N, C-alpha and C. Protein backbone atom coordinates (compact mmCIF):
# COMPACT_ATOMS: atom_id res chain seq x y z
N MET A 1 60.30 92.51 -145.60
CA MET A 1 60.35 91.65 -146.67
C MET A 1 59.43 90.28 -146.04
N ASN A 2 59.87 90.23 -144.48
CA ASN A 2 58.48 88.75 -144.85
C ASN A 2 57.03 89.02 -144.71
N ASP A 3 56.33 90.17 -145.07
CA ASP A 3 55.50 90.26 -145.34
C ASP A 3 55.48 89.39 -147.15
N LEU A 4 56.39 90.11 -147.70
CA LEU A 4 56.25 89.96 -149.59
C LEU A 4 56.67 88.56 -149.78
N PHE A 5 56.99 87.55 -148.56
CA PHE A 5 57.17 85.62 -149.57
C PHE A 5 55.97 85.31 -148.74
N ALA A 6 55.16 85.52 -147.21
CA ALA A 6 54.46 85.45 -146.93
C ALA A 6 52.92 85.79 -148.53
N ALA A 7 52.99 86.65 -149.00
CA ALA A 7 52.40 86.62 -149.99
C ALA A 7 52.45 85.78 -150.97
N LEU A 8 53.59 86.19 -151.17
CA LEU A 8 54.00 85.43 -152.57
C LEU A 8 53.44 83.31 -152.47
N ALA A 9 54.33 83.51 -151.26
CA ALA A 9 53.82 81.91 -150.80
C ALA A 9 52.04 81.51 -150.40
N LEU A 10 51.64 82.09 -150.17
CA LEU A 10 49.87 81.83 -150.46
C LEU A 10 49.15 81.78 -151.66
N ALA A 11 49.99 82.83 -152.20
CA ALA A 11 49.70 82.58 -153.83
C ALA A 11 49.81 81.60 -154.21
N VAL A 12 50.87 80.46 -153.73
CA VAL A 12 51.62 79.65 -154.17
C VAL A 12 50.49 78.54 -154.03
N VAL A 13 50.07 78.52 -153.17
CA VAL A 13 49.26 77.86 -152.17
C VAL A 13 48.02 77.74 -152.92
N VAL A 14 47.15 79.06 -152.81
CA VAL A 14 45.74 78.68 -153.52
C VAL A 14 46.19 78.47 -154.88
N GLU A 15 46.62 79.22 -156.03
CA GLU A 15 46.71 78.28 -157.24
C GLU A 15 46.98 77.12 -157.12
N GLY A 16 47.92 75.98 -156.32
CA GLY A 16 47.91 74.71 -156.09
C GLY A 16 46.58 74.68 -155.91
N LEU A 17 46.00 74.94 -155.53
CA LEU A 17 44.02 74.07 -154.80
C LEU A 17 43.26 74.33 -155.85
N LEU A 18 43.78 76.26 -156.93
CA LEU A 18 43.07 75.81 -157.92
C LEU A 18 42.95 74.60 -159.16
N TYR A 19 43.93 74.50 -159.21
CA TYR A 19 44.59 72.85 -159.95
C TYR A 19 43.77 71.92 -159.44
N ALA A 20 44.16 71.58 -158.40
CA ALA A 20 43.83 70.46 -157.25
C ALA A 20 42.40 69.92 -157.40
N ALA A 21 41.42 71.45 -157.06
CA ALA A 21 39.97 71.50 -157.11
C ALA A 21 39.91 71.58 -158.38
N PHE A 22 39.95 71.63 -159.57
CA PHE A 22 39.50 72.83 -160.50
C PHE A 22 40.16 72.64 -161.99
N PRO A 23 40.98 70.57 -162.17
CA PRO A 23 41.94 69.96 -162.92
C PRO A 23 41.86 70.76 -164.48
N THR A 24 40.43 70.56 -165.03
CA THR A 24 40.25 70.68 -166.39
C THR A 24 39.46 72.19 -166.74
N GLN A 25 38.97 72.96 -165.54
CA GLN A 25 38.99 74.12 -165.74
C GLN A 25 39.60 74.89 -166.01
N MET A 26 41.20 74.85 -165.28
CA MET A 26 42.04 75.60 -165.04
C MET A 26 42.72 75.30 -166.39
N LYS A 27 43.09 73.99 -167.20
CA LYS A 27 43.27 74.56 -168.40
C LYS A 27 42.39 74.10 -169.62
N ARG A 28 41.04 74.60 -168.96
CA ARG A 28 40.20 75.41 -170.42
C ARG A 28 41.04 77.00 -170.10
N ALA A 29 41.38 76.89 -168.62
CA ALA A 29 41.23 78.68 -168.66
C ALA A 29 42.71 78.91 -169.55
N LEU A 30 43.48 78.36 -169.71
CA LEU A 30 44.79 78.27 -169.71
C LEU A 30 44.77 78.85 -171.48
N ALA A 31 44.02 76.83 -171.98
CA ALA A 31 43.49 77.81 -173.14
C ALA A 31 43.29 78.73 -173.67
N SER A 32 42.00 79.51 -173.40
CA SER A 32 41.31 80.16 -173.99
C SER A 32 42.17 81.51 -173.21
N LEU A 33 43.59 81.30 -172.65
CA LEU A 33 44.13 82.94 -172.60
C LEU A 33 45.92 82.67 -173.91
N LEU A 34 45.21 81.61 -174.45
CA LEU A 34 46.36 81.35 -175.58
C LEU A 34 46.00 82.04 -177.25
N GLU A 35 44.32 82.04 -176.59
CA GLU A 35 43.00 82.79 -177.91
C GLU A 35 43.35 84.67 -177.81
N THR A 36 43.51 84.83 -176.82
CA THR A 36 43.14 86.97 -176.05
C THR A 36 44.66 87.04 -176.31
N PRO A 37 44.20 88.71 -177.07
CA PRO A 37 45.20 89.28 -177.72
C PRO A 37 45.55 89.52 -176.48
N ASN A 38 46.83 89.83 -176.34
CA ASN A 38 48.10 90.50 -175.61
C ASN A 38 47.76 91.64 -175.37
N SER A 39 47.24 92.43 -176.03
CA SER A 39 47.04 93.77 -175.75
C SER A 39 45.29 93.47 -174.72
N SER A 40 44.94 92.68 -174.56
CA SER A 40 43.84 92.33 -173.58
C SER A 40 44.63 92.37 -172.35
N LEU A 41 45.39 90.88 -172.38
CA LEU A 41 46.27 89.60 -171.46
C LEU A 41 47.37 91.59 -170.31
N ARG A 42 47.49 92.39 -171.06
CA ARG A 42 48.73 93.67 -170.58
C ARG A 42 47.53 94.02 -169.68
N VAL A 43 46.45 94.99 -170.07
CA VAL A 43 45.43 95.57 -169.71
C VAL A 43 45.18 95.31 -168.05
N VAL A 44 44.38 93.58 -168.37
CA VAL A 44 43.99 93.26 -167.00
C VAL A 44 45.10 92.71 -165.91
N ALA A 45 46.50 92.27 -166.95
CA ALA A 45 47.10 92.06 -165.73
C ALA A 45 48.01 93.53 -164.49
N LEU A 46 48.44 94.68 -165.52
CA LEU A 46 47.70 95.89 -165.22
C LEU A 46 46.99 95.57 -163.90
N SER A 47 46.09 95.64 -164.22
CA SER A 47 44.80 96.10 -163.38
C SER A 47 44.83 95.15 -162.17
N PHE A 48 45.54 94.03 -162.62
CA PHE A 48 45.28 93.58 -161.29
C PHE A 48 46.47 93.25 -160.34
N ALA A 49 47.98 94.14 -160.87
CA ALA A 49 48.70 94.36 -159.81
C ALA A 49 48.91 95.46 -159.35
N ALA A 50 47.72 96.35 -160.09
CA ALA A 50 47.37 98.05 -159.40
C ALA A 50 46.73 97.81 -158.61
N ALA A 51 45.59 96.93 -158.14
CA ALA A 51 44.55 96.19 -157.35
C ALA A 51 45.60 95.54 -156.19
N GLY A 52 46.63 94.83 -156.84
CA GLY A 52 47.63 94.06 -155.66
C GLY A 52 47.62 95.22 -154.90
N LEU A 53 48.26 96.46 -155.50
CA LEU A 53 48.91 97.62 -154.41
C LEU A 53 48.51 98.22 -153.61
N VAL A 54 46.89 98.81 -154.14
CA VAL A 54 46.05 99.55 -153.71
C VAL A 54 45.44 98.56 -152.12
N VAL A 55 45.28 97.51 -153.20
CA VAL A 55 44.38 97.30 -151.72
C VAL A 55 44.91 96.66 -150.42
N PRO A 56 46.21 95.77 -150.21
CA PRO A 56 47.02 95.72 -149.23
C PRO A 56 47.31 97.29 -148.27
N TYR A 57 47.16 98.32 -149.26
CA TYR A 57 47.53 100.29 -148.55
C TYR A 57 46.28 100.07 -148.21
N LEU A 58 45.18 99.78 -148.79
CA LEU A 58 43.86 100.30 -148.05
C LEU A 58 43.83 99.38 -146.13
N ILE A 59 43.78 98.19 -146.70
CA ILE A 59 43.51 97.74 -145.54
C ILE A 59 44.67 97.97 -144.60
N ARG A 60 46.11 98.42 -144.83
CA ARG A 60 47.03 98.65 -143.40
C ARG A 60 46.94 100.26 -143.71
N GLY A 61 46.79 100.98 -143.87
CA GLY A 61 45.99 102.52 -143.43
C GLY A 61 47.64 103.90 -144.09
């Protein structure tokens, strides 16, 4: 359970750093998300979710 909270905390840190370092580009990226069809967003989100499950499994064995 500690690993889960550590991973979530790191995700928040990375996201915060991206907004701090590239605020204009992040606004542009969010605006482009509004124009992206829901089906495309679902495919990308599920792909990242699957990768998020597979990569730690491969790393930890």
